[in-house]
C-alpha atoms as a PDB file:
ATOM      1  CA  UNK A   1       0.000   0.000   0.000  1.00  0.00           C
ATOM      2  CA  UNK A   2       1.501   3.326  -0.988  1.00  0.00           C
ATOM      3  CA  UNK A   3       1.741   6.307   1.335  1.00  0.00           C
ATOM      4  CA  UNK A   4      -1.232   8.157  -0.176  1.00  0.00           C
ATOM      5  CA  UNK A   5      -3.492   5.122   0.092  1.00  0.00           C
ATOM      6  CA  UNK A   6      -2.426   4.537   3.679  1.00  0.00           C
ATOM      7  CA  UNK A   7      -3.036   8.211   4.535  1.00  0.00           C
ATOM      8  CA  UNK A   8      -6.503   8.147   2.932  1.00  0.00           C
ATOM      9  CA  UNK A   9      -7.389   4.948   4.760  1.00  0.00           C
ATOM     10  CA  UNK A  10      -6.287   6.358   8.118  1.00  0.00           C
ATOM     11  CA  UNK A  11      -8.030   9.675   7.433  1.00  0.00           C
ATOM     12  CA  UNK A  12     -11.232   7.851   6.506  1.00  0.00           C
ATOM     13  CA  UNK A  13     -11.094   5.769   9.671  1.00  0.00           C
ATOM     14  CA  UNK A  14     -10.523   8.910  11.748  1.00  0.00           C
ATOM     15  CA  UNK A  15     -13.516  10.624  10.147  1.00  0.00           C
ATOM     16  CA  UNK A  16     -15.683   7.562  10.798  1.00  0.00           C
ATOM     17  CA  UNK A  17     -14.492   7.427  14.412  1.00  0.00           C
ATOM     18  CA  UNK A  18     -15.271  11.115  14.942  1.00  0.00           C
ATOM     19  CA  UNK A  19     -18.685  10.686  13.368  1.00  0.00           C
ATOM     20  CA  UNK A  20     -19.415   7.738  15.648  1.00  0.00           C
ATOM     21  CA  UNK A  21     -18.055   9.580  18.665  1.00  0.00           C
ATOM     22  CA  UNK A  22     -20.523  12.417  18.158  1.00  0.00           C
ATOM     23  CA  UNK A  23     -23.570  10.214  18.576  1.00  0.00           C
ATOM     24  CA  UNK A  24     -24.695   8.363  21.646  1.00  0.00           C
ATOM     25  CA  UNK A  25     -26.476   5.398  20.095  1.00  0.00           C
ATOM     26  CA  UNK A  26     -25.590   2.081  21.738  1.00  0.00           C
ATOM     27  CA  UNK A  27     -24.203   0.877  18.404  1.00  0.00           C
ATOM     28  CA  UNK A  28     -21.909   3.901  18.062  1.00  0.00           C
ATOM     29  CA  UNK A  29     -20.689   3.510  21.639  1.00  0.00           C
ATOM     30  CA  UNK A  30     -20.018  -0.188  21.041  1.00  0.00           C
ATOM     31  CA  UNK A  31     -18.167   0.640  17.813  1.00  0.00           C
ATOM     32  CA  UNK A  32     -15.930   3.096  19.668  1.00  0.00           C
ATOM     33  CA  UNK A  33     -15.293   0.534  22.409  1.00  0.00           C
ATOM     34  CA  UNK A  34     -14.562  -2.145  19.791  1.00  0.00           C
ATOM     35  CA  UNK A  35     -12.008   0.167  18.191  1.00  0.00           C
ATOM     36  CA  UNK A  36     -10.276   1.003  21.484  1.00  0.00           C
ATOM     37  CA  UNK A  37     -10.220  -2.695  22.463  1.00  0.00           C
ATOM     38  CA  UNK A  38      -8.672  -3.618  19.106  1.00  0.00           C
ATOM     39  CA  UNK A  39      -6.017  -0.915  19.455  1.00  0.00           C
ATOM     40  CA  UNK A  40      -5.159  -2.171  22.955  1.00  0.00           C
ATOM     41  CA  UNK A  41      -5.080  -5.777  21.711  1.00  0.00           C
ATOM     42  CA  UNK A  42      -2.578  -4.668  19.054  1.00  0.00           C
ATOM     43  CA  UNK A  43      -0.351  -3.321  21.833  1.00  0.00           C
ATOM     44  CA  UNK A  44      -0.809   0.383  21.084  1.00  0.00           C
ATOM     45  CA  UNK A  45      -1.620   1.268  24.691  1.00  0.00           C
ATOM     46  CA  UNK A  46      -1.016   5.004  24.328  1.00  0.00           C
ATOM     47  CA  UNK A  47      -3.534   5.183  21.475  1.00  0.00           C
ATOM     48  CA  UNK A  48      -5.987   3.016  23.418  1.00  0.00           C
ATOM     49  CA  UNK A  49      -5.604   5.387  26.367  1.00  0.00           C
ATOM     50  CA  UNK A  50      -6.239   8.406  24.149  1.00  0.00           C
ATOM     51  CA  UNK A  51      -9.354   6.832  22.633  1.00  0.00           C
ATOM     52  CA  UNK A  52     -10.633   5.756  26.045  1.00  0.00           C
ATOM     53  CA  UNK A  53     -10.008   9.172  27.570  1.00  0.00           C
ATOM     54  CA  UNK A  54     -11.937  10.720  24.697  1.00  0.00           C
ATOM     55  CA  UNK A  55     -14.874   8.396  25.355  1.00  0.00           C
ATOM     56  CA  UNK A  56     -14.745   8.906  29.128  1.00  0.00           C
ATOM     57  CA  UNK A  57     -14.876  12.689  28.799  1.00  0.00           C
ATOM     58  CA  UNK A  58     -17.531  12.722  26.085  1.00  0.00           C
ATOM     59  CA  UNK A  59     -21.083  13.848  26.843  1.00  0.00           C
ATOM     60  CA  UNK A  60     -22.097  10.499  25.337  1.00  0.00           C
ATOM     61  CA  UNK A  61     -21.228   8.738  28.590  1.00  0.00           C
ATOM     62  CA  UNK A  62     -24.733   9.631  29.773  1.00  0.00           C
ATOM     63  CA  UNK A  63     -25.946   6.967  27.351  1.00  0.00           C
ATOM     64  CA  UNK A  64     -23.459   4.282  28.464  1.00  0.00           C
ATOM     65  CA  UNK A  65     -24.883   1.054  29.820  1.00  0.00           C
ATOM     66  CA  UNK A  66     -23.327  -0.732  32.783  1.00  0.00           C
ATOM     67  CA  UNK A  67     -21.730  -3.228  30.395  1.00  0.00           C
ATOM     68  CA  UNK A  68     -20.259  -0.440  28.259  1.00  0.00           C
ATOM     69  CA  UNK A  69     -18.763   1.162  31.362  1.00  0.00           C
ATOM     70  CA  UNK A  70     -17.317  -2.268  32.249  1.00  0.00           C
ATOM     71  CA  UNK A  71     -15.734  -2.507  28.813  1.00  0.00           C
ATOM     72  CA  UNK A  72     -14.287   0.994  29.187  1.00  0.00           C
ATOM     73  CA  UNK A  73     -12.948   0.083  32.636  1.00  0.00           C
ATOM     74  CA  UNK A  74     -11.358  -3.042  31.141  1.00  0.00           C
ATOM     75  CA  UNK A  75      -9.594  -0.976  28.465  1.00  0.00           C
ATOM     76  CA  UNK A  76      -8.266   1.435  31.083  1.00  0.00           C
ATOM     77  CA  UNK A  77      -7.169  -1.487  33.304  1.00  0.00           C
ATOM     78  CA  UNK A  78      -5.409  -3.130  30.346  1.00  0.00           C
ATOM     79  CA  UNK A  79      -3.586   0.101  29.596  1.00  0.00           C
ATOM     80  CA  UNK A  80      -2.661   0.477  33.268  1.00  0.00           C
ATOM     81  CA  UNK A  81      -1.243  -3.060  33.260  1.00  0.00           C
ATOM     82  CA  UNK A  82       0.961  -2.303  30.262  1.00  0.00           C
ATOM     83  CA  UNK A  83       2.371   1.193  30.685  1.00  0.00           C
ATOM     84  CA  UNK A  84       4.729   2.514  33.326  1.00  0.00           C
ATOM     85  CA  UNK A  85       2.971   5.779  34.205  1.00  0.00           C
ATOM     86  CA  UNK A  86      -0.338   4.052  34.820  1.00  0.00           C
ATOM     87  CA  UNK A  87      -1.895   5.982  37.704  1.00  0.00           C
ATOM     88  CA  UNK A  88      -4.327   8.012  35.606  1.00  0.00           C
ATOM     89  CA  UNK A  89      -5.359   4.961  33.573  1.00  0.00           C
ATOM     90  CA  UNK A  90      -6.044   2.984  36.751  1.00  0.00           C
ATOM     91  CA  UNK A  91      -7.973   5.907  38.233  1.00  0.00           C
ATOM     92  CA  UNK A  92     -10.080   5.998  35.069  1.00  0.00           C
ATOM     93  CA  UNK A  93     -10.663   2.242  35.324  1.00  0.00           C
ATOM     94  CA  UNK A  94     -11.890   2.734  38.902  1.00  0.00           C
ATOM     95  CA  UNK A  95     -14.136   5.628  37.867  1.00  0.00           C
ATOM     96  CA  UNK A  96     -15.606   3.682  34.938  1.00  0.00           C
ATOM     97  CA  UNK A  97     -16.274   0.638  37.110  1.00  0.00           C
ATOM     98  CA  UNK A  98     -17.906   2.863  39.749  1.00  0.00           C
ATOM     99  CA  UNK A  99     -20.246   4.207  37.077  1.00  0.00           C
ATOM    100  CA  UNK A 100     -21.070   0.647  36.009  1.00  0.00           C
ATOM    101  CA  UNK A 101     -21.741  -0.384  39.613  1.00  0.00           C
ATOM    102  CA  UNK A 102     -24.046   2.580  40.105  1.00  0.00           C
ATOM    103  CA  UNK A 103     -26.085   1.512  37.068  1.00  0.00           C
ATOM    104  CA  UNK A 104     -26.280  -2.228  37.681  1.00  0.00           C
ATOM    105  CA  UNK A 105     -24.023  -4.181  40.066  1.00  0.00           C
ATOM    106  CA  UNK A 106     -25.338  -7.495  38.750  1.00  0.00           C
ATOM    107  CA  UNK A 107     -24.181  -6.616  35.238  1.00  0.00           C
ATOM    108  CA  UNK A 108     -20.728  -5.842  36.609  1.00  0.00           C
ATOM    109  CA  UNK A 109     -20.561  -9.207  38.368  1.00  0.00           C
ATOM    110  CA  UNK A 110     -21.705 -11.020  35.218  1.00  0.00           C
ATOM    111  CA  UNK A 111     -19.189  -9.138  33.059  1.00  0.00           C
ATOM    112  CA  UNK A 112     -16.264  -9.883  35.348  1.00  0.00           C
ATOM    113  CA  UNK A 113     -17.204 -13.555  35.587  1.00  0.00           C
ATOM    114  CA  UNK A 114     -17.177 -13.821  31.763  1.00  0.00           C
ATOM    115  CA  UNK A 115     -13.570 -12.644  31.491  1.00  0.00           C
ATOM    116  CA  UNK A 116     -10.565 -14.865  30.919  1.00  0.00           C
ATOM    117  CA  UNK A 117      -8.126 -15.294  33.805  1.00  0.00           C
ATOM    118  CA  UNK A 118      -5.806 -12.398  32.907  1.00  0.00           C
ATOM    119  CA  UNK A 119      -8.538  -9.867  32.242  1.00  0.00           C
ATOM    120  CA  UNK A 120     -10.485 -11.080  35.268  1.00  0.00           C
ATOM    121  CA  UNK A 121      -7.430 -10.385  37.435  1.00  0.00           C
ATOM    122  CA  UNK A 122      -7.210  -6.831  36.076  1.00  0.00           C
ATOM    123  CA  UNK A 123     -10.836  -6.168  36.902  1.00  0.00           C
ATOM    124  CA  UNK A 124     -10.454  -7.820  40.305  1.00  0.00           C
ATOM    125  CA  UNK A 125      -7.644  -5.362  41.049  1.00  0.00           C
ATOM    126  CA  UNK A 126      -9.870  -2.474  39.987  1.00  0.00           C
ATOM    127  CA  UNK A 127     -12.704  -3.793  42.138  1.00  0.00           C
ATOM    128  CA  UNK A 128     -10.349  -4.217  45.088  1.00  0.00           C
ATOM    129  CA  UNK A 129      -9.298  -0.572  44.722  1.00  0.00           C
ATOM    130  CA  UNK A 130     -12.936   0.484  44.892  1.00  0.00           C
ATOM    131  CA  UNK A 131     -13.649  -1.637  47.951  1.00  0.00           C
ATOM    132  CA  UNK A 132     -10.333  -0.840  49.631  1.00  0.00           C
ATOM    133  CA  UNK A 133     -10.770   2.891  49.175  1.00  0.00           C
ATOM    134  CA  UNK A 134     -14.370   2.659  50.398  1.00  0.00           C
ATOM    135  CA  UNK A 135     -15.520   4.776  47.452  1.00  0.00           C
ATOM    136  CA  UNK A 136     -19.025   6.187  47.713  1.00  0.00           C
ATOM    137  CA  UNK A 137     -20.682   4.900  44.538  1.00  0.00           C
ATOM    138  CA  UNK A 138     -23.628   7.305  44.953  1.00  0.00           C
ATOM    139  CA  UNK A 139     -21.511  10.228  43.727  1.00  0.00           C
ATOM    140  CA  UNK A 140     -21.582   8.622  40.285  1.00  0.00           C
ATOM    141  CA  UNK A 141     -25.362   8.698  40.014  1.00  0.00           C
ATOM    142  CA  UNK A 142     -26.086  12.406  39.571  1.00  0.00           C
ATOM    143  CA  UNK A 143     -27.471  12.760  43.068  1.00  0.00           C
ATOM    144  CA  UNK A 144     -29.730   9.721  42.967  1.00  0.00           C
ATOM    145  CA  UNK A 145     -29.675   7.417  45.965  1.00  0.00           C
ATOM    146  CA  UNK A 146     -28.163   4.053  45.202  1.00  0.00           C
ATOM    147  CA  UNK A 147     -28.146   1.217  47.672  1.00  0.00           C
ATOM    148  CA  UNK A 148     -25.082  -0.847  46.917  1.00  0.00           C
ATOM    149  CA  UNK A 149     -25.055  -2.792  50.180  1.00  0.00           C
ATOM    150  CA  UNK A 150     -27.877  -5.114  49.096  1.00  0.00           C
ATOM    151  CA  UNK A 151     -26.171  -5.865  45.798  1.00  0.00           C
ATOM    152  CA  UNK A 152     -22.576  -5.230  46.729  1.00  0.00           C
ATOM    153  CA  UNK A 153     -20.140  -7.349  44.800  1.00  0.00           C
ATOM    154  CA  UNK A 154     -17.949  -9.336  47.098  1.00  0.00           C
ATOM    155  CA  UNK A 155     -14.649  -9.751  45.239  1.00  0.00           C
ATOM    156  CA  UNK A 156     -14.271 -13.205  46.778  1.00  0.00           C
ATOM    157  CA  UNK A 157     -17.563 -14.301  45.212  1.00  0.00           C
ATOM    158  CA  UNK A 158     -16.360 -13.649  41.682  1.00  0.00           C
ATOM    159  CA  UNK A 159     -14.847 -16.652  40.021  1.00  0.00           C
ATOM    160  CA  UNK A 160     -12.113 -16.448  37.448  1.00  0.00           C
ATOM    161  CA  UNK A 161     -12.374 -18.760  34.484  1.00  0.00           C
ATOM    162  CA  UNK A 162      -9.280 -20.878  34.215  1.00  0.00           C
END
């Protein structure tokens, strides 16, 4: 592929990504998450972090489902596991998982239990940070009361798939 073709392909993908990023349909959100996951899977953790930060700071997060927040948390946790200056990525993983927990703790538990051993361990670490820091999940719900105690996820109850 020559340089011009490569440039046009990359430019086209960037335009498509920006167009998807400006809409909050579940399909567009999933497409953006798919892209960030693929970039992380290819080992481009800085790019995955940039894409994830863009999603996390977008107004579209109001339309995120609990599962989509879990996926975003997983991307941030993956980045944190693979870069040296990982504090902000891990903080973003914690924040994303807190949002997911505030929407539906059962979805979070189901998502984590579906993960392979390595990814499950990353999410377990993120969950441990939430529990260890005693983070008030209600601050992620726009002032709505959320009772987490009745549905709290006990990290010991989550099973990794070996």
